[in-house]
Amino acid sequence: MSGIPRIKVNNYHTFFYQYEFSLLDALESQNIPAPYNCRGGYCGCCKARLLDGEVEYVQDSLVDLKDDEILTCSCRPVTHIEVELTED
C-alpha cells in the first residue's frame, strides 16, 4: 500500500495515521479514549480487536493474543486498519 494509512475506530471515528510511535499514541493524538497501563506490551490493558488491515509491531510483547487481537501500545498500522477498542 502506498500513502498514509487510515485508521477507523469502533465504526465511527476515522483519521489518518501521522507516524506516531504506536497506534496508542495515534489514538491519543486524536483524543480517542483508549485503555492502557504500561505502554510496553507487558500488561495487555491496551488490547484491541483488529477487524481489518495489517499492523507491524514496534516493540516486543509478553501478552498472549488471539489472531484478531493487537496491543495498541506496541504496534502501528502498515495498511488502512479498522480496530475495535474495548469500552470499560
N, C-alpha and C. Protein backbone atom coordinates (compact mmCIF):
# COMPACT_ATOMS: atom_id res chain seq x y z
N MET A 1 0.84 -1.17 0.00
CA MET A 1 0.00 0.00 0.00
C MET A 1 0.88 1.24 0.00
N SER A 2 0.52 2.19 -0.78
CA SER A 2 1.23 3.47 -0.74
C SER A 2 0.29 4.51 -0.14
N GLY A 3 0.84 5.53 0.42
CA GLY A 3 0.03 6.57 1.04
C GLY A 3 -0.02 6.42 2.55
N ILE A 4 -0.79 7.28 3.17
CA ILE A 4 -0.89 7.32 4.62
C ILE A 4 -2.01 6.39 5.08
N PRO A 5 -1.71 5.47 6.00
CA PRO A 5 -2.75 4.56 6.48
C PRO A 5 -3.90 5.31 7.17
N ARG A 6 -5.11 4.84 6.89
CA ARG A 6 -6.32 5.38 7.52
C ARG A 6 -6.68 4.46 8.68
N ILE A 7 -7.09 5.04 9.80
CA ILE A 7 -7.44 4.28 10.99
C ILE A 7 -8.91 4.54 11.30
N LYS A 8 -9.70 3.46 11.34
CA LYS A 8 -11.11 3.56 11.70
C LYS A 8 -11.29 2.89 13.05
N VAL A 9 -11.95 3.58 13.98
CA VAL A 9 -12.08 3.10 15.36
C VAL A 9 -13.55 2.93 15.72
N ASN A 10 -13.90 1.74 16.17
CA ASN A 10 -15.26 1.44 16.66
C ASN A 10 -16.36 1.89 15.70
N ASN A 11 -16.12 1.74 14.42
CA ASN A 11 -17.13 2.01 13.39
C ASN A 11 -17.62 3.45 13.32
N TYR A 12 -16.91 4.41 13.94
CA TYR A 12 -17.40 5.78 13.83
C TYR A 12 -16.31 6.83 13.67
N HIS A 13 -15.15 6.65 14.25
CA HIS A 13 -14.11 7.68 14.19
C HIS A 13 -13.03 7.26 13.20
N THR A 14 -12.77 8.08 12.20
CA THR A 14 -11.76 7.77 11.19
C THR A 14 -10.77 8.92 11.10
N PHE A 15 -9.49 8.57 11.04
CA PHE A 15 -8.45 9.59 10.89
C PHE A 15 -7.25 8.96 10.18
N PHE A 16 -6.32 9.78 9.77
CA PHE A 16 -5.12 9.30 9.10
C PHE A 16 -3.95 9.25 10.07
N TYR A 17 -3.20 8.17 10.00
CA TYR A 17 -2.02 7.96 10.83
C TYR A 17 -0.98 9.02 10.49
N GLN A 18 -0.42 9.64 11.53
CA GLN A 18 0.58 10.71 11.34
C GLN A 18 1.98 10.28 11.76
N TYR A 19 2.23 8.99 11.73
CA TYR A 19 3.56 8.43 12.00
C TYR A 19 4.01 8.60 13.45
N GLU A 20 3.06 8.50 14.37
CA GLU A 20 3.41 8.45 15.78
C GLU A 20 4.12 7.12 16.05
N PHE A 21 4.74 6.99 17.21
CA PHE A 21 5.47 5.77 17.55
C PHE A 21 4.57 4.54 17.54
N SER A 22 3.38 4.65 18.10
CA SER A 22 2.49 3.48 18.19
C SER A 22 1.06 3.88 17.86
N LEU A 23 0.23 2.87 17.67
CA LEU A 23 -1.19 3.11 17.46
C LEU A 23 -1.80 3.80 18.68
N LEU A 24 -1.38 3.44 19.87
CA LEU A 24 -1.88 4.10 21.08
C LEU A 24 -1.57 5.60 21.04
N ASP A 25 -0.36 5.96 20.66
CA ASP A 25 0.00 7.38 20.55
C ASP A 25 -0.87 8.08 19.50
N ALA A 26 -1.16 7.40 18.40
CA ALA A 26 -2.01 7.97 17.35
C ALA A 26 -3.43 8.19 17.88
N LEU A 27 -3.95 7.23 18.62
CA LEU A 27 -5.29 7.37 19.20
C LEU A 27 -5.33 8.55 20.17
N GLU A 28 -4.32 8.65 21.01
CA GLU A 28 -4.27 9.76 21.97
C GLU A 28 -4.15 11.11 21.28
N SER A 29 -3.43 11.17 20.17
CA SER A 29 -3.29 12.44 19.46
C SER A 29 -4.63 12.91 18.88
N GLN A 30 -5.57 11.97 18.71
CA GLN A 30 -6.91 12.29 18.21
C GLN A 30 -7.93 12.42 19.35
N ASN A 31 -7.45 12.39 20.59
CA ASN A 31 -8.31 12.47 21.78
C ASN A 31 -9.33 11.34 21.85
N ILE A 32 -8.94 10.18 21.37
CA ILE A 32 -9.78 9.00 21.47
C ILE A 32 -9.40 8.27 22.75
N PRO A 33 -10.34 8.10 23.67
CA PRO A 33 -10.01 7.43 24.93
C PRO A 33 -9.71 5.95 24.71
N ALA A 34 -8.47 5.59 24.87
CA ALA A 34 -8.02 4.22 24.67
C ALA A 34 -7.41 3.71 25.97
N PRO A 35 -7.80 2.51 26.39
CA PRO A 35 -7.25 1.99 27.64
C PRO A 35 -5.77 1.65 27.51
N TYR A 36 -5.02 1.86 28.58
CA TYR A 36 -3.61 1.47 28.61
C TYR A 36 -3.13 1.49 30.05
N ASN A 37 -1.96 0.92 30.28
CA ASN A 37 -1.34 0.99 31.59
C ASN A 37 0.18 1.10 31.44
N CYS A 38 0.82 0.05 30.95
CA CYS A 38 2.29 0.01 30.98
C CYS A 38 2.98 0.66 29.79
N ARG A 39 2.32 0.74 28.64
CA ARG A 39 2.85 1.28 27.38
C ARG A 39 4.05 0.47 26.86
N GLY A 40 4.26 -0.72 27.40
CA GLY A 40 5.41 -1.51 26.99
C GLY A 40 5.11 -2.92 26.53
N GLY A 41 3.84 -3.28 26.38
CA GLY A 41 3.48 -4.61 25.90
C GLY A 41 3.51 -5.69 26.97
N TYR A 42 3.43 -5.28 28.24
CA TYR A 42 3.53 -6.25 29.33
C TYR A 42 2.19 -6.59 29.98
N CYS A 43 1.27 -5.63 30.04
CA CYS A 43 0.06 -5.83 30.85
C CYS A 43 -1.16 -6.27 30.07
N GLY A 44 -1.27 -5.88 28.80
CA GLY A 44 -2.42 -6.25 27.99
C GLY A 44 -3.62 -5.33 28.12
N CYS A 45 -3.50 -4.26 28.90
CA CYS A 45 -4.64 -3.34 29.08
C CYS A 45 -5.07 -2.66 27.78
N CYS A 46 -4.16 -2.51 26.84
CA CYS A 46 -4.48 -1.81 25.59
C CYS A 46 -4.92 -2.75 24.47
N LYS A 47 -5.24 -3.97 24.84
CA LYS A 47 -5.65 -4.97 23.84
C LYS A 47 -6.88 -4.48 23.07
N ALA A 48 -6.85 -4.66 21.76
CA ALA A 48 -7.96 -4.27 20.90
C ALA A 48 -8.13 -5.33 19.81
N ARG A 49 -9.28 -5.32 19.16
CA ARG A 49 -9.52 -6.24 18.04
C ARG A 49 -9.15 -5.55 16.74
N LEU A 50 -8.38 -6.23 15.92
CA LEU A 50 -8.06 -5.75 14.58
C LEU A 50 -9.09 -6.36 13.63
N LEU A 51 -10.02 -5.54 13.15
CA LEU A 51 -11.09 -6.03 12.30
C LEU A 51 -10.68 -6.11 10.84
N ASP A 52 -9.77 -5.23 10.45
CA ASP A 52 -9.34 -5.21 9.05
C ASP A 52 -7.98 -4.53 8.97
N GLY A 53 -7.16 -4.95 8.01
CA GLY A 53 -5.87 -4.33 7.78
C GLY A 53 -4.72 -5.08 8.44
N GLU A 54 -3.57 -4.43 8.41
CA GLU A 54 -2.34 -5.06 8.89
C GLU A 54 -1.55 -4.06 9.73
N VAL A 55 -0.97 -4.57 10.83
CA VAL A 55 -0.10 -3.76 11.68
C VAL A 55 1.26 -4.42 11.76
N GLU A 56 2.25 -3.63 12.18
CA GLU A 56 3.57 -4.18 12.49
C GLU A 56 3.90 -3.82 13.93
N TYR A 57 4.62 -4.70 14.58
CA TYR A 57 4.98 -4.45 15.97
C TYR A 57 6.28 -3.68 16.05
N VAL A 58 6.29 -2.64 16.88
CA VAL A 58 7.46 -1.78 17.05
C VAL A 58 8.20 -2.10 18.34
N GLN A 59 7.61 -2.94 19.17
CA GLN A 59 8.27 -3.43 20.38
C GLN A 59 7.67 -4.79 20.72
N ASP A 60 8.46 -5.60 21.40
CA ASP A 60 8.02 -6.95 21.76
C ASP A 60 6.92 -6.90 22.81
N SER A 61 6.11 -7.95 22.82
CA SER A 61 5.01 -8.06 23.76
C SER A 61 5.13 -9.35 24.54
N LEU A 62 4.71 -9.34 25.79
CA LEU A 62 4.70 -10.53 26.61
C LEU A 62 3.29 -11.08 26.80
N VAL A 63 2.32 -10.51 26.10
CA VAL A 63 0.92 -10.88 26.26
C VAL A 63 0.52 -11.87 25.16
N ASP A 64 -0.17 -12.94 25.56
CA ASP A 64 -0.72 -13.88 24.58
C ASP A 64 -1.93 -13.24 23.92
N LEU A 65 -1.93 -13.24 22.59
CA LEU A 65 -3.01 -12.62 21.84
C LEU A 65 -3.69 -13.63 20.92
N LYS A 66 -4.98 -13.44 20.70
CA LYS A 66 -5.70 -14.21 19.70
C LYS A 66 -5.33 -13.66 18.33
N ASP A 67 -5.70 -14.38 17.28
CA ASP A 67 -5.34 -13.97 15.92
C ASP A 67 -5.84 -12.58 15.55
N ASP A 68 -6.99 -12.18 16.10
CA ASP A 68 -7.55 -10.88 15.73
C ASP A 68 -7.28 -9.79 16.77
N GLU A 69 -6.37 -10.03 17.71
CA GLU A 69 -6.07 -9.05 18.74
C GLU A 69 -4.71 -8.39 18.53
N ILE A 70 -4.63 -7.15 18.95
CA ILE A 70 -3.38 -6.39 18.89
C ILE A 70 -3.22 -5.63 20.21
N LEU A 71 -2.00 -5.19 20.46
CA LEU A 71 -1.74 -4.27 21.57
C LEU A 71 -1.47 -2.91 20.95
N THR A 72 -2.31 -1.93 21.26
CA THR A 72 -2.15 -0.62 20.62
C THR A 72 -0.86 0.07 21.01
N CYS A 73 -0.29 -0.27 22.18
CA CYS A 73 0.95 0.37 22.62
C CYS A 73 2.18 -0.18 21.90
N SER A 74 2.02 -1.29 21.22
CA SER A 74 3.18 -1.99 20.66
C SER A 74 3.18 -2.10 19.15
N CYS A 75 2.17 -1.56 18.48
CA CYS A 75 2.12 -1.71 17.03
C CYS A 75 1.75 -0.40 16.36
N ARG A 76 1.90 -0.39 15.05
CA ARG A 76 1.48 0.75 14.23
C ARG A 76 0.93 0.21 12.92
N PRO A 77 0.08 0.96 12.24
CA PRO A 77 -0.54 0.46 11.01
C PRO A 77 0.44 0.41 9.84
N VAL A 78 0.29 -0.63 9.04
CA VAL A 78 1.04 -0.77 7.80
C VAL A 78 0.11 -0.43 6.62
N THR A 79 -1.16 -0.82 6.76
CA THR A 79 -2.20 -0.55 5.77
C THR A 79 -3.32 0.20 6.46
N HIS A 80 -4.37 0.52 5.72
CA HIS A 80 -5.58 1.04 6.34
C HIS A 80 -6.05 -0.02 7.33
N ILE A 81 -6.46 0.41 8.52
CA ILE A 81 -6.92 -0.55 9.52
C ILE A 81 -8.26 -0.13 10.10
N GLU A 82 -8.96 -1.13 10.64
CA GLU A 82 -10.17 -0.89 11.41
C GLU A 82 -9.99 -1.64 12.73
N VAL A 83 -10.16 -0.93 13.84
CA VAL A 83 -9.97 -1.54 15.16
C VAL A 83 -11.21 -1.32 16.02
N GLU A 84 -11.37 -2.24 16.95
CA GLU A 84 -12.45 -2.14 17.93
C GLU A 84 -11.81 -2.07 19.31
N LEU A 85 -11.99 -0.93 19.97
CA LEU A 85 -11.47 -0.76 21.32
C LEU A 85 -12.50 -1.28 22.32
N THR A 86 -12.02 -1.83 23.41
CA THR A 86 -12.94 -2.25 24.46
C THR A 86 -13.47 -1.02 25.17
N GLU A 87 -14.70 -1.09 25.60
CA GLU A 87 -15.28 0.03 26.33
C GLU A 87 -15.58 -0.43 27.74
N ASP A 88 -14.79 0.10 28.68
CA ASP A 88 -14.96 -0.29 30.07
C ASP A 88 -15.92 0.62 30.79
